[in-house]
Amino acid sequence: MLSRIAAYMDRYGMLDGCETLLCGVSGGADSVCLLHAALSLGLPVKALHFNHMLRGEEADRDESFVRELCEKLHVECICGRGDVKAYAEENRMGTEQAARILRYAFFDECASGLRGCRVATAHNADDNAETMIMNLTRGAGITGLSGIPPVRGIYIRPLLCLSRREIERYLDENGLEHVEDSTNAEDEYTRNRIRHTVIPVLREINPRFSETAADTAALLREDEAYLEAEAKKHIRGDLVRIKGLAYPIASRALRIAAAARGVKLSKTHIDALLALSSGGESDLPGGLTGVRSFDTIYIGPPRKRETPEETALIWNEWIYSAFAGYDVFWGEKAKSGKIYDLLSIFSFKKEEVCGNIAVRPRKAGDMITLPGRGVTKSLKKLFIEMKIPVRERERVPVVADEKGVLAVYGVGKNASRSPAGDRNTEGGDVCVVIFAKR
């Protein structure tokens, strides 16, 4: 049996880089087996025991038992305790959830500062089968149906390869005693009801149900690992590219992107994000927001929407447009001087320019007639057709006078404003707008 445990730990790399193994020991059969097996395999072990203060004298008895066991086995024992009932009431949660939170907080505290530390818990194959059924009844995807993960961060579960019966046999063969938690016989908790009523029926159908469930969980974990790896290929920072992705990949990509910010998305959140039309937004947990721009979804903090200020241009002078991010010249091309990095030039007949001219963001009602096509469109519709992301549309520089749009950077001149060609730029009847980098 020790060889099976060792092989299982090796399979999942549980001890890679491990210098200290902290074993969670409650005093029950599973945890006593875990502690003894770890010592028998020659691992550098310390024991952790957390008193939940839920069962009065019985809880204190368990703590005393663990201390005495560790003394016999010459293992350092670190004990902690917390008032689970009070914590559950204060935070309005169930006792099981509260117990888990406080227990793992204690484990984390003990592990902090220890180099190459792993924390081993004594979950077994039967626990895993029960978890799979619990998750199935609540509704779950592959991750939930995979049960208890063998490795999660610094936490490892070396006994997931063993059934409860095998563990009890190990204790008998090695003359090891353990204590029983009286609440294990009660059906107040969901897990106990599944253990006492559902599992026995399934074992009548398949005596090796726990082992079969473990095999199924392993296959599901492999599938999940593959799908997650594929999903990660479509994430770039806060952006998730969903074009052409099947739901299993797109949903995972969104979950991973949100998880990177410490937020867990439900199926409802995922479906709401995927249902967004371009430009749509959806509120997410943790104060995050989801914004769709064509085939990309942004997940992150709400971005401030500042209305960029327009930059008034002065004849025959270079003006830096903070909005556009470029130096902009308005006047006669011959007087523009030396240009460091020319980006774009728009030429117009001077008499067609009406009043003051400026570089600004688009405004409602802005229209442009596309050169060579004779088609007039609103800038809003044009930007949508060009698939310019929603949050970037307000940053596209528009050259306009008091009559309307003269040109749009990256798009072209407004043919309805009788633009001149780029020839004869020395003539006084031709003026230009030049964009350049400093």
Protein backbone atom coordinates (compact mmCIF):
# COMPACT_ATOMS: atom_id res chain seq x y z
CA MET A 1 0.00 0.00 0.00
CA LEU A 2 2.89 2.34 0.71
CA SER A 3 4.16 1.75 -2.81
CA ARG A 4 0.76 2.75 -4.21
CA ILE A 5 0.78 5.96 -2.20
CA ALA A 6 4.34 6.74 -3.31
CA ALA A 7 3.48 6.05 -6.96
CA TYR A 8 0.38 8.24 -6.73
CA MET A 9 2.34 11.14 -5.26
CA ASP A 10 4.99 10.73 -7.95
CA ARG A 11 2.35 10.67 -10.69
CA TYR A 12 1.12 14.13 -9.72
CA GLY A 13 4.48 15.53 -8.64
CA MET A 14 3.19 16.12 -5.12
CA LEU A 15 6.62 16.23 -3.54
CA ASP A 16 8.49 18.16 -6.23
CA GLY A 17 10.69 20.63 -4.37
CA CYS A 18 9.17 19.64 -1.03
CA GLU A 19 11.37 20.27 2.01
CA THR A 20 8.68 20.16 4.68
CA LEU A 21 5.45 18.14 4.63
CA LEU A 22 2.73 19.37 6.96
CA CYS A 23 0.14 16.66 7.55
CA GLY A 24 -3.33 17.67 8.67
CA VAL A 25 -4.19 15.23 11.47
CA SER A 26 -7.67 15.21 13.01
CA GLY A 27 -7.16 11.92 14.81
CA GLY A 28 -9.53 10.01 12.54
CA ALA A 29 -8.60 6.87 10.62
CA ASP A 30 -7.69 8.68 7.40
CA SER A 31 -5.38 11.27 8.95
CA VAL A 32 -3.63 8.71 11.20
CA CYS A 33 -2.97 6.61 8.11
CA LEU A 34 -1.63 9.67 6.28
CA LEU A 35 0.75 10.60 9.08
CA HIS A 36 2.06 7.06 9.54
CA ALA A 37 2.47 6.46 5.80
CA ALA A 38 4.38 9.73 5.35
CA LEU A 39 6.76 8.79 8.16
CA SER A 40 7.16 5.27 6.79
CA LEU A 41 8.16 6.74 3.42
CA GLY A 42 10.86 8.78 5.13
CA LEU A 43 9.34 12.18 4.44
CA PRO A 44 10.19 15.32 6.50
CA VAL A 45 6.92 15.53 8.43
CA LYS A 46 5.22 17.86 10.89
CA ALA A 47 1.65 17.37 12.11
CA LEU A 48 -1.09 20.02 12.17
CA HIS A 49 -4.25 19.74 14.25
CA PHE A 50 -7.09 22.25 14.32
CA ASN A 51 -9.67 22.14 17.10
CA HIS A 52 -12.99 23.44 15.74
CA MET A 53 -14.45 23.74 19.25
CA LEU A 54 -17.73 22.24 18.05
CA ARG A 55 -17.99 19.06 20.11
CA GLY A 56 -16.90 20.20 23.55
CA GLU A 57 -15.02 17.52 25.48
CA GLU A 58 -14.90 15.27 22.44
CA ALA A 59 -13.00 17.93 20.47
CA ASP A 60 -10.52 18.32 23.32
CA ARG A 61 -10.18 14.54 23.45
CA ASP A 62 -9.24 14.50 19.76
CA GLU A 63 -6.61 17.16 20.30
CA SER A 64 -5.09 15.25 23.23
CA PHE A 65 -5.07 12.05 21.17
CA VAL A 66 -3.19 13.74 18.31
CA ARG A 67 -0.65 15.24 20.69
CA GLU A 68 0.00 11.84 22.30
CA LEU A 69 0.19 10.08 18.92
CA CYS A 70 2.74 12.57 17.63
CA GLU A 71 4.78 12.19 20.80
CA LYS A 72 4.89 8.42 20.30
CA LEU A 73 5.88 8.84 16.65
CA HIS A 74 8.43 11.56 17.51
CA VAL A 75 6.72 14.10 15.27
CA GLU A 76 6.43 17.80 15.95
CA CYS A 77 2.76 18.69 16.44
CA ILE A 78 1.35 22.19 15.88
CA CYS A 79 -2.15 22.75 17.26
CA GLY A 80 -4.60 25.57 16.70
CA ARG A 81 -8.22 26.23 17.50
CA GLY A 82 -11.08 28.49 16.47
CA ASP A 83 -14.71 29.05 17.42
CA VAL A 84 -16.36 27.77 14.25
CA LYS A 85 -19.93 28.24 15.51
CA ALA A 86 -19.35 31.91 16.36
CA TYR A 87 -17.59 32.51 13.04
CA ALA A 88 -20.46 30.89 11.12
CA GLU A 89 -23.06 33.04 12.89
CA GLU A 90 -21.04 36.21 12.48
CA ASN A 91 -20.56 35.64 8.76
CA ARG A 92 -23.97 34.08 8.09
CA MET A 93 -22.71 30.83 6.65
CA GLY A 94 -23.03 27.12 7.29
CA THR A 95 -20.97 25.35 9.92
CA GLU A 96 -19.19 23.18 7.34
CA GLN A 97 -18.10 26.18 5.31
CA ALA A 98 -16.97 28.09 8.38
CA ALA A 99 -14.98 25.08 9.65
CA ARG A 100 -13.22 24.73 6.32
CA ILE A 101 -12.34 28.42 6.13
CA LEU A 102 -10.85 28.52 9.64
CA ARG A 103 -9.05 25.19 9.23
CA TYR A 104 -7.37 26.17 5.98
CA ALA A 105 -6.52 29.61 7.34
CA PHE A 106 -4.65 27.81 10.14
CA PHE A 107 -2.90 25.54 7.64
CA ASP A 108 -1.90 28.53 5.51
CA GLU A 109 -0.52 30.34 8.55
CA CYS A 110 1.57 27.31 9.54
CA ALA A 111 2.88 26.96 5.98
CA SER A 112 3.77 30.61 5.54
CA GLY A 113 7.49 31.27 5.61
CA LEU A 114 8.43 27.60 5.22
CA ARG A 115 10.55 26.97 2.16
CA GLY A 116 9.39 24.18 -0.14
CA CYS A 117 6.36 23.46 2.04
CA ARG A 118 3.45 21.16 1.16
CA VAL A 119 0.30 20.56 3.18
CA ALA A 120 -1.14 17.05 2.96
CA THR A 121 -4.79 16.37 3.76
CA ALA A 122 -6.23 12.89 4.21
CA HIS A 123 -9.04 12.86 1.63
CA ASN A 124 -9.56 9.38 0.23
CA ALA A 125 -11.28 7.80 -2.78
CA ASP A 126 -14.61 7.54 -0.91
CA ASP A 127 -14.46 11.25 -0.04
CA ASN A 128 -13.82 11.97 -3.69
CA ALA A 129 -16.84 9.90 -4.83
CA GLU A 130 -19.04 11.69 -2.29
CA THR A 131 -17.81 15.08 -3.51
CA MET A 132 -18.54 14.17 -7.12
CA ILE A 133 -22.11 13.22 -6.22
CA MET A 134 -22.58 16.37 -4.12
CA ASN A 135 -21.39 18.53 -7.01
CA LEU A 136 -23.62 16.66 -9.45
CA THR A 137 -26.71 17.33 -7.34
CA ARG A 138 -25.84 21.03 -7.11
CA GLY A 139 -25.01 21.35 -10.80
CA ALA A 140 -21.43 21.31 -12.04
CA GLY A 141 -19.20 21.20 -15.09
CA ILE A 142 -16.13 19.06 -15.65
CA THR A 143 -14.20 20.70 -12.81
CA GLY A 144 -16.89 19.98 -10.25
CA LEU A 145 -17.46 16.46 -11.52
CA SER A 146 -13.72 15.80 -11.26
CA GLY A 147 -14.11 15.84 -7.50
CA ILE A 148 -11.20 16.64 -5.20
CA PRO A 149 -8.03 17.69 -7.06
CA PRO A 150 -4.89 15.69 -6.13
CA VAL A 151 -2.90 18.94 -6.06
CA ARG A 152 -4.11 22.49 -5.44
CA GLY A 153 -1.32 24.96 -4.87
CA ILE A 154 0.66 23.79 -1.83
CA TYR A 155 -2.09 21.30 -0.89
CA ILE A 156 -1.72 17.63 -1.79
CA ARG A 157 -3.99 14.59 -1.24
CA PRO A 158 -1.81 11.45 -1.20
CA LEU A 159 -4.64 9.11 -0.13
CA LEU A 160 -7.06 9.76 -2.99
CA CYS A 161 -5.87 6.48 -4.46
CA LEU A 162 -7.13 4.49 -1.44
CA SER A 163 -10.64 3.57 -0.34
CA ARG A 164 -11.79 3.94 3.26
CA ARG A 165 -11.75 0.14 3.66
CA GLU A 166 -8.12 -0.01 2.51
CA ILE A 167 -7.19 2.69 4.99
CA GLU A 168 -8.87 0.81 7.85
CA ARG A 169 -7.00 -2.33 6.83
CA TYR A 170 -3.72 -0.39 6.88
CA LEU A 171 -4.41 0.73 10.45
CA ASP A 172 -5.19 -2.84 11.54
CA GLU A 173 -2.03 -4.20 9.92
CA ASN A 174 0.11 -1.58 11.66
CA GLY A 175 -1.66 -1.65 15.03
CA LEU A 176 -2.65 2.00 14.83
CA GLU A 177 -5.47 3.47 16.90
CA HIS A 178 -7.69 6.37 15.93
CA VAL A 179 -10.65 8.34 17.27
CA GLU A 180 -14.14 8.60 15.79
CA ASP A 181 -15.96 11.87 15.23
CA SER A 182 -19.48 11.31 16.58
CA THR A 183 -20.96 13.68 14.00
CA ASN A 184 -19.92 11.23 11.25
CA ALA A 185 -22.88 9.07 12.29
CA GLU A 186 -25.38 11.91 11.95
CA ASP A 187 -27.26 12.79 8.77
CA GLU A 188 -27.47 16.51 9.47
CA TYR A 189 -24.78 17.27 6.90
CA THR A 190 -25.27 16.61 3.17
CA ARG A 191 -22.05 14.63 2.87
CA ASN A 192 -23.10 12.24 5.64
CA ARG A 193 -26.50 11.65 4.03
CA ILE A 194 -24.79 10.78 0.75
CA ARG A 195 -22.31 8.56 2.59
CA HIS A 196 -24.97 6.67 4.54
CA THR A 197 -27.77 6.40 1.97
CA VAL A 198 -26.56 7.00 -1.59
CA ILE A 199 -23.12 5.35 -1.65
CA PRO A 200 -24.37 1.99 -0.27
CA VAL A 201 -26.92 1.76 -3.10
CA LEU A 202 -24.27 2.53 -5.69
CA ARG A 203 -21.99 -0.10 -4.18
CA GLU A 204 -24.77 -2.67 -4.56
CA ILE A 205 -24.69 -1.90 -8.27
CA ASN A 206 -20.90 -1.66 -8.45
CA PRO A 207 -18.88 -2.92 -5.45
CA ARG A 208 -15.89 -0.94 -6.76
CA PHE A 209 -17.84 2.30 -7.13
CA SER A 210 -15.26 4.48 -5.35
CA GLU A 211 -12.42 3.16 -7.50
CA THR A 212 -14.52 3.58 -10.66
CA ALA A 213 -15.39 7.14 -9.65
CA ALA A 214 -11.69 7.84 -9.06
CA ASP A 215 -10.86 6.61 -12.57
CA THR A 216 -13.63 8.77 -14.03
CA ALA A 217 -12.39 11.79 -12.10
CA ALA A 218 -8.87 11.27 -13.45
CA LEU A 219 -10.16 11.18 -17.04
CA LEU A 220 -12.23 14.31 -16.48
CA ARG A 221 -9.23 16.14 -15.02
CA GLU A 222 -7.21 15.31 -18.13
CA ASP A 223 -10.01 16.64 -20.35
CA GLU A 224 -10.26 19.78 -18.24
CA ALA A 225 -6.50 20.36 -18.38
CA TYR A 226 -6.56 20.13 -22.19
CA LEU A 227 -9.56 22.46 -22.58
CA GLU A 228 -8.05 24.98 -20.16
CA ALA A 229 -4.76 24.98 -22.07
CA GLU A 230 -6.65 25.63 -25.31
CA ALA A 231 -8.65 28.42 -23.68
CA LYS A 232 -5.52 30.18 -22.45
CA LYS A 233 -4.34 30.56 -26.04
CA HIS A 234 -7.13 33.07 -26.63
CA ILE A 235 -6.36 35.37 -23.69
CA ARG A 236 -4.22 38.46 -24.08
CA GLY A 237 -4.04 40.35 -20.82
CA ASP A 238 -7.54 41.65 -20.06
CA LEU A 239 -8.84 40.69 -23.50
CA VAL A 240 -10.43 37.41 -24.55
CA ARG A 241 -10.70 36.69 -28.26
CA ILE A 242 -13.90 34.67 -28.75
CA LYS A 243 -14.13 34.63 -32.55
CA GLY A 244 -14.99 31.17 -33.79
CA LEU A 245 -14.62 29.59 -30.35
CA ALA A 246 -16.89 26.80 -29.23
CA TYR A 247 -18.69 27.40 -25.94
CA PRO A 248 -16.44 25.04 -23.91
CA ILE A 249 -13.36 27.05 -24.91
CA ALA A 250 -14.90 30.53 -24.83
CA SER A 251 -16.47 30.00 -21.41
CA ARG A 252 -13.21 28.73 -19.94
CA ALA A 253 -11.24 31.62 -21.41
CA LEU A 254 -13.59 34.09 -19.75
CA ARG A 255 -13.42 32.25 -16.43
CA ILE A 256 -9.62 32.17 -16.54
CA ALA A 257 -9.41 35.88 -17.39
CA ALA A 258 -11.71 36.72 -14.47
CA ALA A 259 -9.91 34.33 -12.11
CA ALA A 260 -6.66 36.17 -12.83
CA ARG A 261 -8.33 39.13 -11.11
CA GLY A 262 -9.54 37.01 -8.21
CA VAL A 263 -13.14 36.72 -9.40
CA LYS A 264 -15.15 33.56 -10.03
CA LEU A 265 -17.73 33.74 -12.81
CA SER A 266 -20.90 31.66 -12.76
CA LYS A 267 -22.53 30.20 -15.85
CA THR A 268 -25.01 33.06 -15.71
CA HIS A 269 -22.17 35.59 -15.94
CA ILE A 270 -20.53 33.67 -18.80
CA ASP A 271 -23.74 33.45 -20.80
CA ALA A 272 -24.43 37.16 -20.26
CA LEU A 273 -20.97 38.07 -21.58
CA LEU A 274 -21.26 35.87 -24.65
CA ALA A 275 -24.72 37.28 -25.39
CA LEU A 276 -23.42 40.87 -25.50
CA SER A 277 -23.54 42.69 -28.81
CA SER A 278 -20.55 44.80 -29.80
CA GLY A 279 -20.30 47.77 -27.46
CA GLY A 280 -22.40 46.08 -24.78
CA GLU A 281 -21.33 45.91 -21.15
CA SER A 282 -22.10 43.58 -18.25
CA ASP A 283 -21.42 44.03 -14.55
CA LEU A 284 -19.37 41.25 -12.98
CA PRO A 285 -18.55 40.26 -9.38
CA GLY A 286 -15.76 42.07 -7.58
CA GLY A 287 -16.54 45.41 -9.18
CA LEU A 288 -15.32 44.21 -12.60
CA THR A 289 -17.00 44.86 -15.90
CA GLY A 290 -17.18 42.94 -19.15
CA VAL A 291 -17.23 44.87 -22.43
CA ARG A 292 -17.63 43.29 -25.84
CA SER A 293 -16.02 44.84 -28.89
CA PHE A 294 -16.82 42.72 -31.94
CA ASP A 295 -14.99 39.43 -31.36
CA THR A 296 -13.15 40.49 -28.20
CA ILE A 297 -14.36 40.77 -24.61
CA TYR A 298 -12.55 42.95 -22.08
CA ILE A 299 -12.68 41.82 -18.43
CA GLY A 300 -11.35 44.22 -15.83
CA PRO A 301 -12.07 47.32 -13.78
CA PRO A 302 -14.47 49.82 -15.37
CA ARG A 303 -12.44 52.16 -17.54
CA LYS A 304 -12.89 55.88 -17.07
CA ARG A 305 -14.59 57.50 -20.00
CA GLU A 306 -13.13 60.94 -20.43
CA THR A 307 -14.38 63.16 -23.22
CA PRO A 308 -11.25 64.19 -25.14
CA GLU A 309 -10.84 67.92 -25.74
CA GLU A 310 -10.51 69.19 -29.27
CA THR A 311 -7.34 70.93 -30.45
CA ALA A 312 -7.82 74.17 -32.36
CA LEU A 313 -5.32 74.50 -35.23
CA ILE A 314 -3.45 77.72 -36.15
CA TRP A 315 -2.59 78.60 -39.76
CA ASN A 316 0.96 77.65 -40.74
CA GLU A 317 1.86 76.44 -37.24
CA TRP A 318 2.57 73.06 -35.68
CA ILE A 319 0.31 72.31 -32.72
CA TYR A 320 0.62 69.30 -30.42
CA SER A 321 -2.74 67.59 -30.02
CA ALA A 322 -2.82 65.78 -26.68
CA PHE A 323 -6.07 64.12 -27.75
CA ALA A 324 -4.63 62.79 -31.01
CA GLY A 325 -1.17 62.18 -29.57
CA TYR A 326 0.49 63.76 -32.62
CA ASP A 327 1.93 67.06 -33.81
CA VAL A 328 -0.55 68.54 -36.32
CA PHE A 329 0.17 71.19 -38.94
CA TRP A 330 -2.48 73.33 -40.68
CA GLY A 331 -1.44 75.59 -43.51
CA GLU A 332 0.68 75.66 -46.64
CA LYS A 333 2.69 72.49 -47.10
CA ALA A 334 5.76 74.46 -48.21
CA LYS A 335 5.83 76.14 -44.79
CA SER A 336 5.46 73.02 -42.74
CA GLY A 337 9.19 72.67 -42.22
CA LYS A 338 11.11 69.47 -41.57
CA ILE A 339 8.95 66.55 -40.47
CA TYR A 340 10.55 63.94 -38.22
CA ASP A 341 8.12 61.09 -38.78
CA LEU A 342 5.36 61.83 -41.25
CA LEU A 343 2.18 59.86 -40.69
CA SER A 344 -0.57 61.35 -42.83
CA ILE A 345 -1.31 64.36 -45.09
CA PHE A 346 -4.76 65.63 -46.10
CA SER A 347 -4.99 68.29 -48.84
CA PHE A 348 -7.96 70.65 -49.37
CA LYS A 349 -8.95 73.63 -51.46
CA LYS A 350 -8.62 76.56 -49.14
CA GLU A 351 -11.92 78.10 -50.19
CA GLU A 352 -13.74 74.92 -49.15
CA VAL A 353 -12.62 75.23 -45.51
CA CYS A 354 -15.24 77.02 -43.44
CA GLY A 355 -14.05 79.11 -40.50
CA ASN A 356 -11.95 77.60 -37.71
CA ILE A 357 -10.47 74.12 -38.04
CA ALA A 358 -9.72 71.64 -35.26
CA VAL A 359 -8.74 68.07 -34.48
CA ARG A 360 -11.40 66.46 -32.29
CA PRO A 361 -13.17 63.20 -31.47
CA ARG A 362 -16.24 62.23 -33.46
CA LYS A 363 -19.59 63.79 -32.59
CA ALA A 364 -23.11 62.56 -33.02
CA GLY A 365 -24.24 63.25 -36.56
CA ASP A 366 -20.75 63.35 -38.10
CA MET A 367 -20.94 62.16 -41.71
CA ILE A 368 -18.32 61.37 -44.35
CA THR A 369 -18.46 60.57 -48.06
CA LEU A 370 -15.85 57.94 -48.78
CA PRO A 371 -13.38 58.88 -51.54
CA GLY A 372 -13.91 57.04 -54.83
CA ARG A 373 -17.07 55.36 -53.61
CA GLY A 374 -19.64 58.12 -53.48
CA VAL A 375 -21.16 56.56 -50.37
CA THR A 376 -22.05 58.77 -47.43
CA LYS A 377 -22.06 57.23 -43.96
CA SER A 378 -22.13 58.31 -40.37
CA LEU A 379 -18.82 57.92 -38.57
CA LYS A 380 -20.58 55.70 -36.03
CA LYS A 381 -21.66 53.24 -38.71
CA LEU A 382 -18.29 53.46 -40.47
CA PHE A 383 -16.34 52.70 -37.28
CA ILE A 384 -18.60 49.71 -36.63
CA GLU A 385 -17.98 48.39 -40.16
CA MET A 386 -14.25 48.90 -39.68
CA LYS A 387 -14.51 46.96 -36.41
CA ILE A 388 -12.82 49.68 -34.40
CA PRO A 389 -13.22 48.67 -30.72
CA VAL A 390 -15.86 50.69 -28.88
CA ARG A 391 -13.42 52.15 -26.38
CA GLU A 392 -11.08 53.28 -29.18
CA ARG A 393 -13.65 55.05 -31.35
CA GLU A 394 -13.51 58.20 -29.26
CA ARG A 395 -9.74 58.31 -29.80
CA VAL A 396 -9.87 58.43 -33.62
CA PRO A 397 -8.81 61.97 -34.71
CA VAL A 398 -11.36 63.82 -36.83
CA VAL A 399 -10.33 66.95 -38.76
CA ALA A 400 -13.32 69.27 -38.87
CA ASP A 401 -14.22 72.88 -39.52
CA GLU A 402 -17.37 74.82 -38.63
CA LYS A 403 -19.27 73.08 -41.41
CA GLY A 404 -18.40 69.51 -40.47
CA VAL A 405 -15.96 66.68 -41.15
CA LEU A 406 -13.02 67.35 -43.48
CA ALA A 407 -11.12 64.11 -42.93
CA VAL A 408 -10.75 61.19 -40.52
CA TYR A 409 -7.33 59.90 -39.54
CA GLY A 410 -6.87 56.33 -40.74
CA VAL A 411 -9.96 56.56 -42.99
CA GLY A 412 -9.50 59.35 -45.55
CA LYS A 413 -10.80 62.71 -46.72
CA ASN A 414 -14.43 63.66 -46.95
CA ALA A 415 -15.12 63.62 -50.69
CA SER A 416 -18.20 65.81 -50.25
CA ARG A 417 -15.97 68.71 -49.23
CA SER A 418 -14.34 68.91 -52.73
CA PRO A 419 -10.85 67.85 -51.67
CA ALA A 420 -7.97 68.65 -53.96
CA GLY A 421 -5.44 66.14 -55.11
CA ASP A 422 -1.98 66.08 -53.63
CA ARG A 423 -0.50 67.97 -56.57
CA ASN A 424 0.26 71.70 -56.83
CA THR A 425 0.67 71.95 -53.07
CA GLU A 426 2.79 75.07 -53.54
CA GLY A 427 -0.26 77.03 -54.65
CA GLY A 428 -1.97 79.36 -52.20
CA ASP A 429 -5.35 77.83 -53.05
CA VAL A 430 -4.33 74.52 -51.48
CA CYS A 431 -3.95 73.88 -47.76
CA VAL A 432 -2.95 70.77 -45.85
CA VAL A 433 -3.38 69.06 -42.51
CA ILE A 434 -0.35 66.99 -41.56
CA PHE A 435 -0.05 64.47 -38.74
CA ALA A 436 3.47 63.66 -37.53
CA LYS A 437 5.24 62.14 -34.56
CA ARG A 438 7.68 64.31 -32.68
